[in-house]
């Protein structure tokens, strides 16, 4: 893609000035969306995207030449950030290195990241107050290649049933791809290993109730290719999912969008794009607005994990 010659613009983002260079550079050729369109989209859903990212280490998926070009996975804050952009330091034991990652506290941080060619936002499930103790449990319903979306919907219903029995409130959203995510706010009492153990115990219970639809088999080649993989490993340290309201780097500019449980029954993820979500947000607000008020304890799930481990279902032996 050739570089455009458009002049920079300055955006007033809730009192902060964000300079956007090459605003007319096309990021989504099929959808006809520019860098400026992406920035305006994120401003329009500002309350929602900030709620999803607030105080979390955040990996950026950058597309300097648009979504048809190379994707850059950016952990460290890009150079040139204004002094009001905040960071959180995280340690990576495998490499014995630290990185200062973006830590969103305001919508201007998000729009500035767009200036740095960011399209997708992938936050950790912990916050900077204690990076090693997650406050979010993530249920990733990931369809295998031969799995239809109707099966994902059925599995979501089973997941909702189990959550209800546990006394947990699940907050569903489209993944921005072919699957669904359900987030549960949890007490930040446990480390990543225990949250992952709890997530695995939950996945196994969903599999027991829907054995024809669900797999928890770790190795992809060994899974039923028409099943839904309940990906418990998304709760491991430094694993991330696209946040609520994050655009995905796909041709139709699809958005990972909060939905109601009633909508799960007949939702079509293709309906949620940069072109449609702002109006939806203006009408409905942030459907995840109450997530911080519905905090769940993992105690029961960890009891299930101990039960399963005693009978040979050990999350610690599953590949990370």
Protein backbone atom coordinates (compact mmCIF):
# COMPACT_ATOMS: atom_id res chain seq x y z
CA UNK A 1 0.00 0.00 0.00
CA UNK A 2 1.46 3.37 -0.97
CA UNK A 3 1.75 6.16 1.53
CA UNK A 4 -0.81 8.92 1.32
CA UNK A 5 0.03 12.61 1.49
CA UNK A 6 -2.78 13.79 3.73
CA UNK A 7 -1.93 16.41 6.31
CA UNK A 8 -2.00 15.63 10.02
CA UNK A 9 -5.06 16.55 12.04
CA UNK A 10 -5.41 17.32 15.72
CA UNK A 11 -8.28 15.69 17.58
CA UNK A 12 -9.72 16.98 20.84
CA UNK A 13 -10.35 13.82 22.81
CA UNK A 14 -12.10 14.81 26.03
CA UNK A 15 -9.71 17.67 26.64
CA UNK A 16 -6.54 15.96 25.40
CA UNK A 17 -5.04 16.82 22.03
CA UNK A 18 -4.06 13.83 19.89
CA UNK A 19 -2.17 14.49 16.68
CA UNK A 20 -3.09 12.04 13.94
CA UNK A 21 -0.65 11.85 11.05
CA UNK A 22 -1.75 10.52 7.66
CA UNK A 23 -5.41 10.49 8.74
CA UNK A 24 -6.63 9.43 5.27
CA UNK A 25 -4.39 6.37 5.10
CA UNK A 26 -6.66 3.44 4.29
CA UNK A 27 -6.57 0.73 6.96
CA UNK A 28 -9.50 -1.39 5.77
CA UNK A 29 -9.64 -1.34 1.94
CA UNK A 30 -12.70 -3.58 1.68
CA UNK A 31 -14.68 -1.47 4.15
CA UNK A 32 -13.16 1.81 2.93
CA UNK A 33 -12.07 2.85 6.42
CA UNK A 34 -9.17 5.17 7.14
CA UNK A 35 -6.97 5.79 10.13
CA UNK A 36 -9.20 8.74 11.02
CA UNK A 37 -12.27 6.50 10.86
CA UNK A 38 -10.62 4.08 13.31
CA UNK A 39 -9.78 6.93 15.69
CA UNK A 40 -13.31 8.31 15.51
CA UNK A 41 -14.76 4.86 16.13
CA UNK A 42 -12.77 4.42 19.34
CA UNK A 43 -13.74 7.91 20.52
CA UNK A 44 -17.41 7.06 19.94
CA UNK A 45 -17.25 3.98 22.20
CA UNK A 46 -14.84 5.60 24.62
CA UNK A 47 -16.62 4.72 27.85
CA UNK A 48 -16.86 1.06 26.87
CA UNK A 49 -13.33 0.56 25.58
CA UNK A 50 -11.83 2.32 28.60
CA UNK A 51 -13.86 0.14 30.97
CA UNK A 52 -12.53 -2.94 29.19
CA UNK A 53 -8.90 -1.76 29.28
CA UNK A 54 -8.64 0.38 32.39
CA UNK A 55 -5.45 -0.17 34.41
CA UNK A 56 -4.55 -3.38 32.54
CA UNK A 57 -1.26 -4.10 30.79
CA UNK A 58 -2.24 -3.96 27.14
CA UNK A 59 -0.61 -5.51 24.11
CA UNK A 60 -1.22 -3.65 20.87
CA UNK A 61 -1.79 -5.24 17.48
CA UNK A 62 -0.48 -2.66 15.04
CA UNK A 63 -0.97 -2.60 11.27
CA UNK A 64 1.37 0.11 9.93
CA UNK A 65 0.29 -0.55 6.31
CA UNK A 66 -3.33 -1.43 7.03
CA UNK A 67 -4.92 -4.79 7.73
CA UNK A 68 -3.74 -6.30 4.45
CA UNK A 69 -0.15 -5.71 5.52
CA UNK A 70 2.08 -6.95 8.31
CA UNK A 71 0.73 -7.22 11.86
CA UNK A 72 3.05 -6.08 14.66
CA UNK A 73 2.50 -7.47 18.17
CA UNK A 74 3.63 -4.61 20.40
CA UNK A 75 4.15 -5.25 24.10
CA UNK A 76 6.32 -2.26 24.95
CA UNK A 77 4.80 1.21 24.72
CA UNK A 78 5.74 2.67 21.32
CA UNK A 79 8.16 5.59 21.36
CA UNK A 80 6.81 9.10 21.18
CA UNK A 81 3.98 8.82 23.68
CA UNK A 82 2.69 12.05 25.26
CA UNK A 83 3.60 12.48 28.92
CA UNK A 84 -0.03 11.83 29.94
CA UNK A 85 0.01 8.26 28.57
CA UNK A 86 0.58 5.84 31.45
CA UNK A 87 2.31 2.45 31.55
CA UNK A 88 2.57 -0.60 33.77
CA UNK A 89 5.74 -2.66 34.09
CA UNK A 90 5.46 -6.41 33.64
CA UNK A 91 8.11 -9.10 33.92
CA UNK A 92 8.57 -11.94 31.45
CA UNK A 93 10.34 -14.79 33.26
CA UNK A 94 11.02 -16.80 30.11
CA UNK A 95 13.25 -14.02 28.80
CA UNK A 96 14.11 -12.45 32.17
CA UNK A 97 13.03 -9.09 30.79
CA UNK A 98 10.70 -6.30 31.81
CA UNK A 99 8.42 -4.28 29.57
CA UNK A 100 6.46 -1.10 30.13
CA UNK A 101 3.10 -1.76 28.48
CA UNK A 102 0.35 0.72 27.72
CA UNK A 103 -2.00 1.18 30.69
CA UNK A 104 -5.19 2.85 29.51
CA UNK A 105 -6.85 5.29 31.88
CA UNK A 106 -8.69 7.52 29.39
CA UNK A 107 -10.02 7.37 25.85
CA UNK A 108 -7.27 9.69 24.64
CA UNK A 109 -4.79 6.88 25.37
CA UNK A 110 -6.73 4.64 22.97
CA UNK A 111 -6.87 7.26 20.22
CA UNK A 112 -3.16 7.94 20.64
CA UNK A 113 -2.52 4.21 20.14
CA UNK A 114 -4.42 4.49 16.85
CA UNK A 115 -1.96 7.21 15.85
CA UNK A 116 0.68 4.49 16.32
CA UNK A 117 -1.24 2.28 13.83
CA UNK A 118 -2.99 0.18 16.50
CA UNK A 119 -6.16 -1.58 15.39
CA UNK A 120 -6.61 -4.25 18.09
CA UNK A 121 -6.29 -3.96 21.90
CA UNK A 122 -5.41 -7.10 23.87
CA UNK A 123 -5.39 -6.49 27.64
CA UNK A 124 -4.21 -8.78 30.40
CA UNK A 125 -6.85 -10.14 32.78
CA UNK A 126 -5.11 -8.46 35.72
CA UNK A 127 -4.58 -4.82 36.67
CA UNK A 128 -1.54 -2.82 37.62
CA UNK A 129 -2.45 -2.75 41.32
CA UNK A 130 -1.37 -6.43 41.34
CA UNK A 131 -0.39 -7.70 37.93
CA UNK A 132 0.11 -11.24 39.22
CA UNK A 133 -3.45 -11.66 40.52
CA UNK A 134 -6.15 -11.60 37.82
CA UNK A 135 -9.53 -10.02 38.48
CA UNK A 136 -11.10 -11.41 35.31
CA UNK A 137 -11.85 -15.00 34.32
CA UNK A 138 -12.26 -15.42 30.59
CA UNK A 139 -14.32 -18.15 28.93
CA UNK A 140 -13.31 -18.47 25.28
CA UNK A 141 -15.71 -20.50 23.14
CA UNK A 142 -13.50 -21.20 20.15
CA UNK A 143 -15.11 -23.10 17.28
CA UNK A 144 -13.01 -25.61 15.39
CA UNK A 145 -12.88 -25.28 11.57
CA UNK A 146 -15.90 -27.51 10.88
CA UNK A 147 -18.01 -26.11 13.73
CA UNK A 148 -21.05 -24.03 12.90
CA UNK A 149 -22.01 -20.99 14.93
CA UNK A 150 -25.24 -22.70 16.02
CA UNK A 151 -23.09 -25.07 18.04
CA UNK A 152 -21.25 -22.16 19.66
CA UNK A 153 -24.64 -20.77 20.69
CA UNK A 154 -25.65 -24.11 22.26
CA UNK A 155 -22.40 -24.30 24.22
CA UNK A 156 -22.87 -20.71 25.40
CA UNK A 157 -26.24 -21.79 26.81
CA UNK A 158 -24.61 -24.63 28.74
CA UNK A 159 -21.92 -22.27 30.02
CA UNK A 160 -24.60 -19.86 31.20
CA UNK A 161 -26.39 -22.71 33.00
CA UNK A 162 -23.21 -23.72 34.87
CA UNK A 163 -22.41 -20.11 35.73
CA UNK A 164 -25.90 -19.70 37.15
CA UNK A 165 -25.50 -22.74 39.36
CA UNK A 166 -22.20 -21.34 40.61
CA UNK A 167 -23.79 -17.98 41.37
CA UNK A 168 -21.54 -16.21 38.85
CA UNK A 169 -22.60 -13.48 36.45
CA UNK A 170 -21.22 -13.95 32.94
CA UNK A 171 -20.87 -11.05 30.52
CA UNK A 172 -20.96 -12.29 26.90
CA UNK A 173 -19.48 -10.68 23.84
CA UNK A 174 -18.71 -11.66 20.29
CA UNK A 175 -15.05 -12.46 19.72
CA UNK A 176 -14.92 -10.47 16.53
CA UNK A 177 -14.31 -13.77 14.75
CA UNK A 178 -16.34 -16.99 14.75
CA UNK A 179 -16.65 -17.49 18.49
CA UNK A 180 -17.98 -15.99 21.69
CA UNK A 181 -16.31 -14.82 24.88
CA UNK A 182 -17.84 -14.69 28.36
CA UNK A 183 -16.10 -12.65 31.05
CA UNK A 184 -16.58 -13.03 34.80
CA UNK A 185 -15.23 -10.53 37.30
CA UNK A 186 -13.41 -12.37 40.12
CA UNK A 187 -11.78 -11.49 43.40
CA UNK A 188 -8.06 -10.78 42.81
CA UNK A 189 -7.05 -13.40 45.39
CA UNK A 190 -5.44 -16.03 43.17
CA UNK A 191 -2.47 -16.24 40.85
CA UNK A 192 -2.65 -17.16 37.18
CA UNK A 193 -2.10 -20.87 37.79
CA UNK A 194 -5.13 -21.14 40.06
CA UNK A 195 -7.33 -19.07 37.76
CA UNK A 196 -6.34 -21.36 34.92
CA UNK A 197 -7.10 -24.44 37.07
CA UNK A 198 -10.53 -23.03 37.85
CA UNK A 199 -11.15 -22.26 34.17
CA UNK A 200 -10.17 -25.82 33.24
CA UNK A 201 -12.52 -27.28 35.86
CA UNK A 202 -15.34 -25.16 34.43
CA UNK A 203 -14.52 -26.22 30.87
CA UNK A 204 -14.56 -29.88 31.91
CA UNK A 205 -18.00 -29.46 33.49
CA UNK A 206 -19.34 -27.85 30.32
CA UNK A 207 -17.84 -30.74 28.35
CA UNK A 208 -19.55 -33.30 30.61
CA UNK A 209 -22.91 -31.67 29.96
CA UNK A 210 -22.43 -31.27 26.20
CA UNK A 211 -19.97 -34.00 25.17
CA UNK A 212 -21.02 -33.94 21.51
CA UNK A 213 -20.49 -30.21 21.20
CA UNK A 214 -17.49 -29.48 23.41
CA UNK A 215 -13.84 -30.45 23.56
CA UNK A 216 -11.19 -29.60 26.13
CA UNK A 217 -8.48 -31.61 24.37
CA UNK A 218 -5.38 -29.45 24.29
CA UNK A 219 -3.62 -30.62 21.12
CA UNK A 220 -5.40 -29.17 18.13
CA UNK A 221 -4.76 -32.19 15.92
CA UNK A 222 -6.49 -34.45 18.47
CA UNK A 223 -9.68 -32.40 18.78
CA UNK A 224 -13.04 -33.07 17.17
CA UNK A 225 -12.87 -30.59 14.29
CA UNK A 226 -16.61 -29.91 14.50
CA UNK A 227 -16.63 -29.12 18.23
CA UNK A 228 -16.26 -25.97 20.33
CA UNK A 229 -12.96 -25.80 22.18
CA UNK A 230 -13.45 -24.17 25.59
CA UNK A 231 -10.04 -22.54 25.73
CA UNK A 232 -9.19 -22.40 29.42
CA UNK A 233 -5.59 -21.53 28.59
CA UNK A 234 -6.61 -17.97 27.78
CA UNK A 235 -6.36 -17.46 31.56
CA UNK A 236 -2.65 -18.30 31.66
CA UNK A 237 -0.18 -15.53 32.38
CA UNK A 238 0.49 -13.19 29.44
CA UNK A 239 -2.30 -14.70 27.34
CA UNK A 240 -4.69 -12.11 26.01
CA UNK A 241 -7.93 -11.77 24.07
CA UNK A 242 -9.22 -8.84 22.08
CA UNK A 243 -11.09 -6.57 24.47
CA UNK A 244 -14.72 -5.58 24.36
CA UNK A 245 -15.14 -2.91 21.65
CA UNK A 246 -11.80 -3.76 20.05
CA UNK A 247 -11.83 -3.74 16.27
CA UNK A 248 -10.38 -6.91 14.75
CA UNK A 249 -7.84 -6.77 11.97
CA UNK A 250 -10.08 -8.48 9.41
CA UNK A 251 -11.34 -7.18 6.10
CA UNK A 252 -14.87 -6.24 7.23
CA UNK A 253 -13.65 -4.29 10.31
CA UNK A 254 -15.58 -6.48 12.70
CA UNK A 255 -15.76 -5.53 16.38
CA UNK A 256 -15.69 -7.70 19.51
CA UNK A 257 -19.01 -6.51 20.90
CA UNK A 258 -20.84 -6.96 24.22
CA UNK A 259 -24.25 -8.58 23.80
CA UNK A 260 -27.04 -9.67 26.11
CA UNK A 261 -27.71 -13.32 26.89
CA UNK A 262 -30.99 -13.02 25.01
CA UNK A 263 -29.09 -11.84 21.94
CA UNK A 264 -26.81 -14.87 22.08
CA UNK A 265 -29.70 -17.01 20.80
CA UNK A 266 -29.81 -15.40 17.36
CA UNK A 267 -26.75 -13.18 17.13
CA UNK A 268 -24.75 -12.89 13.92
CA UNK A 269 -21.22 -11.65 14.72
CA UNK A 270 -20.92 -10.23 11.22
CA UNK A 271 -23.48 -7.55 12.15
CA UNK A 272 -21.05 -5.82 14.54
CA UNK A 273 -18.59 -3.63 12.68
CA UNK A 274 -17.00 -0.20 12.87
CA UNK A 275 -19.93 1.02 10.79
CA UNK A 276 -22.67 -0.32 13.09
CA UNK A 277 -21.36 -0.47 16.66
CA UNK A 278 -21.24 3.30 17.35
CA UNK A 279 -25.00 3.66 16.77
CA UNK A 280 -25.65 0.57 18.87
CA UNK A 281 -23.47 2.00 21.65
CA UNK A 282 -25.31 5.32 21.49
CA UNK A 283 -28.64 3.48 21.89
CA UNK A 284 -27.73 0.85 24.46
CA UNK A 285 -24.66 2.16 26.23
CA UNK A 286 -22.05 -0.27 27.49
CA UNK A 287 -23.72 -3.65 28.12
CA UNK A 288 -20.76 -4.55 30.35
CA UNK A 289 -21.25 -1.48 32.55
CA UNK A 290 -22.13 -3.56 35.62
CA UNK A 291 -19.26 -6.04 35.42
CA UNK A 292 -17.27 -4.53 38.29
CA UNK A 293 -20.26 -4.88 40.61
CA UNK A 294 -20.65 -8.65 40.08
CA UNK A 295 -17.56 -10.15 41.69
CA UNK A 296 -17.28 -13.94 41.97
CA UNK A 297 -15.16 -16.19 44.20
CA UNK A 298 -13.33 -19.12 42.59
CA UNK A 299 -13.53 -21.28 45.72
CA UNK A 300 -16.09 -23.74 44.32
CA UNK A 301 -14.33 -24.07 40.99
CA UNK A 302 -11.03 -24.75 42.75
CA UNK A 303 -12.78 -27.50 44.71
CA UNK A 304 -13.92 -28.92 41.37
CA UNK A 305 -10.34 -28.69 40.15
CA UNK A 306 -9.09 -30.68 43.14
CA UNK A 307 -11.78 -33.29 42.50
CA UNK A 308 -10.82 -33.59 38.84
CA UNK A 309 -7.11 -33.70 39.58
CA UNK A 310 -7.67 -36.52 42.07
CA UNK A 311 -9.37 -38.50 39.29
CA UNK A 312 -6.67 -37.77 36.70
CA UNK A 313 -7.99 -34.58 35.07
CA UNK A 314 -5.03 -32.35 35.88
CA UNK A 315 -4.89 -28.88 34.39
CA UNK A 316 -1.22 -28.64 35.31
CA UNK A 317 -0.45 -31.45 32.86
CA UNK A 318 -2.29 -29.74 30.03
CA UNK A 319 0.01 -27.80 27.73
CA UNK A 320 0.36 -24.08 28.30
